[in-house]
Amino acid sequence: MTNFNPLETVRLYINAIKYNYIGMEIPLSNLVGNAMLFMPMAVFLPCLFRPLQKLWLFALTMFLLLVAVEALQLLLACGSCDVDDVLLNLAGTLIVFGILKLPFLQRLLKQLYLLPEPTQPQSAEATEEKTPPNATA
């Protein structure tokens, strides 16, 4: 199955539930599962790659990664290529990314040593090795 229409799968699930064609289990597991599938990336990528701590760069990286996954599914004819998968996966990762940026959670993660302290840029004087004033050569 291939779907290039944004939110088409979501609309189909809503209509199927509305007209009692299917129960809640299938749509809920598909929609929530897709939203949750890549959530760990929001935790690990910014920790492993410091530039990905910026929202725009993280979002762009995730978007490109998710499009690549869907393109591979289309090219290899395995799974289903669905633009809704990209949207739901991206939404899930951005939600977790946003939650992890909440100030109280940032403080907690730093206290638990699960988040590195931000590094301050050092001046040229601070990086030079200085000899103590009383040292002899």
Protein backbone atom coordinates (compact mmCIF):
# COMPACT_ATOMS: atom_id res chain seq x y z
CA MET A 1 0.00 0.00 0.00
CA THR A 2 1.28 3.45 -0.90
CA ASN A 3 -0.18 6.74 0.31
CA PHE A 4 1.13 10.16 -0.69
CA ASN A 5 -1.93 12.12 0.54
CA PRO A 6 -1.23 13.74 3.93
CA LEU A 7 -3.54 12.50 6.72
CA GLU A 8 -5.41 10.16 4.35
CA THR A 9 -4.80 7.13 6.57
CA VAL A 10 -5.93 9.09 9.62
CA ARG A 11 -9.12 10.14 7.78
CA LEU A 12 -9.80 6.54 6.72
CA TYR A 13 -9.41 5.31 10.29
CA ILE A 14 -11.72 8.03 11.62
CA ASN A 15 -14.40 7.15 9.05
CA ALA A 16 -14.03 3.42 9.70
CA ILE A 17 -14.56 4.00 13.42
CA LYS A 18 -17.39 6.46 12.81
CA TYR A 19 -19.33 3.96 10.69
CA ASN A 20 -18.43 0.95 12.89
CA TYR A 21 -16.40 -0.85 10.22
CA ILE A 22 -13.61 -1.55 12.70
CA GLY A 23 -13.04 -1.17 16.41
CA MET A 24 -10.65 1.23 18.10
CA GLU A 25 -7.82 -1.27 18.56
CA ILE A 26 -6.36 -1.23 15.04
CA PRO A 27 -6.43 2.54 14.41
CA LEU A 28 -5.23 3.33 17.91
CA SER A 29 -2.33 0.89 17.75
CA ASN A 30 -1.34 2.15 14.29
CA LEU A 31 -1.58 5.88 15.04
CA VAL A 32 -0.09 5.77 18.54
CA GLY A 33 2.48 3.19 17.49
CA ASN A 34 3.67 5.37 14.63
CA ALA A 35 3.87 8.39 16.92
CA MET A 36 5.90 6.40 19.48
CA LEU A 37 8.14 4.45 17.11
CA PHE A 38 10.91 7.03 16.74
CA MET A 39 10.51 8.78 20.12
CA PRO A 40 13.82 7.39 21.44
CA MET A 41 15.59 9.32 18.68
CA ALA A 42 14.56 12.54 20.44
CA VAL A 43 16.50 11.36 23.48
CA PHE A 44 19.58 9.82 21.90
CA LEU A 45 20.37 11.93 18.83
CA PRO A 46 20.78 15.23 20.73
CA CYS A 47 22.97 13.45 23.30
CA LEU A 48 25.16 11.83 20.67
CA PHE A 49 25.37 14.78 18.29
CA ARG A 50 25.51 18.18 20.01
CA PRO A 51 24.32 20.20 16.95
CA LEU A 52 21.05 18.24 17.04
CA GLN A 53 20.17 19.96 20.31
CA LYS A 54 18.80 22.76 18.12
CA LEU A 55 15.16 22.21 17.24
CA TRP A 56 15.38 23.14 13.56
CA LEU A 57 18.38 20.91 12.93
CA PHE A 58 16.87 18.01 14.86
CA ALA A 59 13.55 18.37 12.99
CA LEU A 60 15.29 18.53 9.61
CA THR A 61 17.46 15.50 10.40
CA MET A 62 14.48 13.47 11.58
CA PHE A 63 12.41 14.49 8.55
CA LEU A 64 15.15 13.40 6.16
CA LEU A 65 15.68 10.14 8.06
CA LEU A 66 11.97 9.33 8.05
CA VAL A 67 11.59 10.15 4.35
CA ALA A 68 14.56 7.85 3.68
CA VAL A 69 12.89 5.03 5.62
CA GLU A 70 9.65 5.44 3.67
CA ALA A 71 11.53 5.70 0.35
CA LEU A 72 13.34 2.44 1.13
CA GLN A 73 10.02 0.76 1.87
CA LEU A 74 8.75 1.93 -1.52
CA LEU A 75 11.89 0.95 -3.44
CA LEU A 76 12.29 -2.44 -1.76
CA ALA A 77 8.54 -3.18 -1.88
CA CYS A 78 8.50 -4.09 1.80
CA GLY A 79 6.14 -2.54 4.30
CA SER A 80 3.94 0.32 3.18
CA CYS A 81 5.09 3.74 2.03
CA ASP A 82 2.78 6.22 3.77
CA VAL A 83 3.29 9.95 4.19
CA ASP A 84 1.21 9.72 7.37
CA ASP A 85 3.93 7.54 8.89
CA VAL A 86 6.41 10.38 8.34
CA LEU A 87 4.02 12.92 9.89
CA LEU A 88 3.18 10.77 12.91
CA ASN A 89 6.78 9.68 13.51
CA LEU A 90 7.97 13.29 13.25
CA ALA A 91 5.20 14.51 15.57
CA GLY A 92 6.18 11.92 18.17
CA THR A 93 9.86 12.84 18.10
CA LEU A 94 9.13 16.58 18.25
CA ILE A 95 6.79 16.11 21.22
CA VAL A 96 9.49 14.26 23.17
CA PHE A 97 12.13 16.78 22.05
CA GLY A 98 9.92 19.60 23.37
CA ILE A 99 9.19 17.82 26.65
CA LEU A 100 12.90 17.26 27.22
CA LYS A 101 13.49 21.02 26.79
CA LEU A 102 11.17 21.93 29.68
CA PRO A 103 13.25 23.80 32.30
CA PHE A 104 12.27 21.64 35.29
CA LEU A 105 13.07 18.47 33.36
CA GLN A 106 16.40 19.92 32.18
CA ARG A 107 17.36 20.59 35.83
CA LEU A 108 16.33 17.09 36.87
CA LEU A 109 18.27 15.43 34.06
CA LYS A 110 21.37 17.47 34.92
CA GLN A 111 21.07 16.51 38.59
CA LEU A 112 20.85 12.85 37.59
CA TYR A 113 23.85 13.31 35.27
CA LEU A 114 21.73 12.24 32.31
CA LEU A 115 22.25 15.56 30.54
CA PRO A 116 25.63 17.20 30.08
CA GLU A 117 26.25 20.70 31.39
CA PRO A 118 26.52 23.22 28.56
CA THR A 119 30.11 24.08 27.75
CA GLN A 120 31.14 27.73 27.81
CA PRO A 121 33.45 28.99 25.08
CA GLN A 122 36.86 29.73 26.50
CA SER A 123 38.85 32.84 25.72
CA ALA A 124 42.29 32.56 24.11
CA GLU A 125 43.93 33.56 27.40
CA ALA A 126 42.17 30.78 29.30
CA THR A 127 43.30 28.13 26.86
CA GLU A 128 46.97 29.12 26.95
CA GLU A 129 49.02 27.23 29.45
CA LYS A 130 50.30 29.73 31.97
CA THR A 131 53.28 29.25 34.21
CA PRO A 132 52.95 30.19 37.87
CA PRO A 133 54.61 33.53 38.76
CA ASN A 134 57.13 31.87 41.13
CA ALA A 135 58.15 29.10 38.74
CA THR A 136 61.69 28.99 37.41
CA ALA A 137 62.64 27.72 33.99
